[in-house]
Amino acid sequence: MKLFMKRATALLIFAIVASNAQAQSRYEIAQMSCNDVQATLKENGSAILRYPSQGYFNLSLYDIYVAGQAQCRQDEVVQQVGVPTADTKYCPVHKCVESSIFVSR
């Protein structure tokens, strides 16, 4: 019985950790202002932003965007990019990208 309880407890802990890692806020930003998008990232730290493609009809684009470097892994750096919002075609936001400093040669 003790072995069963240990395994059940370990499984429960693993499930909780895995579910927290998968939890990510998602936002459709086509109707949001640039200020709203930036405030959302600042408040949440990171979020999946989804928006319509500028070049292809009925295609949605998405990625994970972050508030700053603190949300990136150790082997990543923050890069400024732009997303289209309701009030502008280029709203400056950040995303984590692999750093060329840490790439093995």
Protein backbone atom coordinates (compact mmCIF):
# COMPACT_ATOMS: atom_id res chain seq x y z
CA MET A 1 0.00 0.00 0.00
CA LYS A 2 2.88 2.38 0.79
CA LEU A 3 4.40 1.83 -2.65
CA PHE A 4 1.06 2.58 -4.29
CA MET A 5 0.69 5.82 -2.30
CA LYS A 6 4.22 6.92 -3.21
CA ARG A 7 3.58 6.28 -6.90
CA ALA A 8 0.19 8.00 -6.78
CA THR A 9 1.71 11.01 -5.04
CA ALA A 10 4.55 11.21 -7.56
CA LEU A 11 2.08 10.97 -10.44
CA LEU A 12 -0.09 13.70 -8.95
CA ILE A 13 2.89 16.02 -8.51
CA PHE A 14 4.01 15.35 -12.09
CA ALA A 15 0.50 16.07 -13.41
CA ILE A 16 0.32 19.37 -11.53
CA VAL A 17 3.74 20.49 -12.78
CA ALA A 18 2.94 19.45 -16.35
CA SER A 19 -0.41 21.25 -16.35
CA ASN A 20 1.16 24.45 -15.02
CA ALA A 21 3.81 24.32 -17.74
CA GLN A 22 1.11 24.02 -20.41
CA ALA A 23 -1.00 26.90 -19.07
CA GLN A 24 -0.52 29.89 -21.35
CA SER A 25 -2.87 32.82 -21.85
CA ARG A 26 -4.08 33.25 -25.44
CA TYR A 27 -5.36 36.44 -26.99
CA GLU A 28 -6.94 37.33 -30.32
CA ILE A 29 -5.40 40.77 -30.84
CA ALA A 30 -7.04 41.94 -34.08
CA GLN A 31 -9.54 44.04 -32.08
CA MET A 32 -7.10 45.08 -29.34
CA SER A 33 -5.14 48.35 -29.29
CA CYS A 34 -1.35 48.32 -29.15
CA ASN A 35 -1.47 49.72 -25.60
CA ASP A 36 -3.82 46.89 -24.56
CA VAL A 37 -1.50 44.24 -26.02
CA GLN A 38 1.55 45.72 -24.30
CA ALA A 39 -0.33 46.02 -20.98
CA THR A 40 -1.47 42.39 -21.30
CA LEU A 41 2.12 41.20 -21.75
CA LYS A 42 3.32 43.33 -18.85
CA GLU A 43 0.56 41.94 -16.61
CA ASN A 44 0.93 38.27 -17.60
CA GLY A 45 4.67 38.11 -18.34
CA SER A 46 3.99 36.14 -21.50
CA ALA A 47 1.07 35.22 -23.74
CA ILE A 48 0.20 33.62 -27.05
CA LEU A 49 -0.89 36.41 -29.39
CA ARG A 50 -2.97 35.42 -32.43
CA TYR A 51 -3.66 37.74 -35.34
CA PRO A 52 -4.66 37.57 -39.03
CA SER A 53 -1.91 37.34 -41.62
CA GLN A 54 -1.29 40.54 -43.58
CA GLY A 55 -0.52 38.61 -46.77
CA TYR A 56 -2.78 35.55 -46.82
CA PHE A 57 -6.56 35.61 -46.54
CA ASN A 58 -8.01 33.40 -43.75
CA LEU A 59 -4.59 32.59 -42.28
CA SER A 60 -3.97 33.26 -38.61
CA LEU A 61 -0.49 33.69 -37.20
CA TYR A 62 0.52 33.25 -33.59
CA ASP A 63 3.56 33.05 -31.34
CA ILE A 64 4.53 33.43 -27.72
CA TYR A 65 5.44 36.99 -26.80
CA VAL A 66 6.99 38.15 -23.52
CA ALA A 67 7.25 41.22 -21.32
CA GLY A 68 11.06 41.08 -21.21
CA GLN A 69 14.27 39.10 -20.83
CA ALA A 70 13.19 37.61 -17.49
CA GLN A 71 10.67 35.39 -19.31
CA CYS A 72 13.31 33.87 -21.63
CA ARG A 73 15.37 30.74 -21.00
CA GLN A 74 19.08 31.06 -20.27
CA ASP A 75 20.02 30.22 -23.87
CA GLU A 76 17.64 32.85 -25.31
CA VAL A 77 17.62 36.62 -25.69
CA VAL A 78 14.69 38.96 -26.09
CA GLN A 79 14.11 40.38 -29.58
CA GLN A 80 11.79 43.25 -30.47
CA VAL A 81 9.26 42.43 -33.18
CA GLY A 82 5.96 43.91 -34.26
CA VAL A 83 2.42 42.57 -34.44
CA PRO A 84 -0.62 44.16 -36.11
CA THR A 85 -3.30 45.49 -33.78
CA ALA A 86 -6.58 47.33 -34.30
CA ASP A 87 -4.88 50.73 -34.24
CA THR A 88 -1.50 50.06 -35.91
CA LYS A 89 0.20 47.65 -38.30
CA TYR A 90 3.35 47.49 -36.14
CA CYS A 91 2.92 47.25 -32.40
CA PRO A 92 6.33 46.69 -30.77
CA VAL A 93 6.44 43.57 -28.59
CA HIS A 94 9.14 41.11 -27.54
CA LYS A 95 9.74 37.42 -28.10
CA CYS A 96 12.46 35.04 -26.99
CA VAL A 97 14.87 33.79 -29.66
CA GLU A 98 17.86 31.49 -29.45
CA SER A 99 21.06 33.36 -28.71
CA SER A 100 23.91 32.86 -31.16
CA ILE A 101 26.33 33.29 -28.24
CA PHE A 102 25.34 29.88 -26.83
CA VAL A 103 25.32 27.92 -30.10
CA SER A 104 28.04 25.26 -30.16
CA ARG A 105 30.34 25.32 -33.16
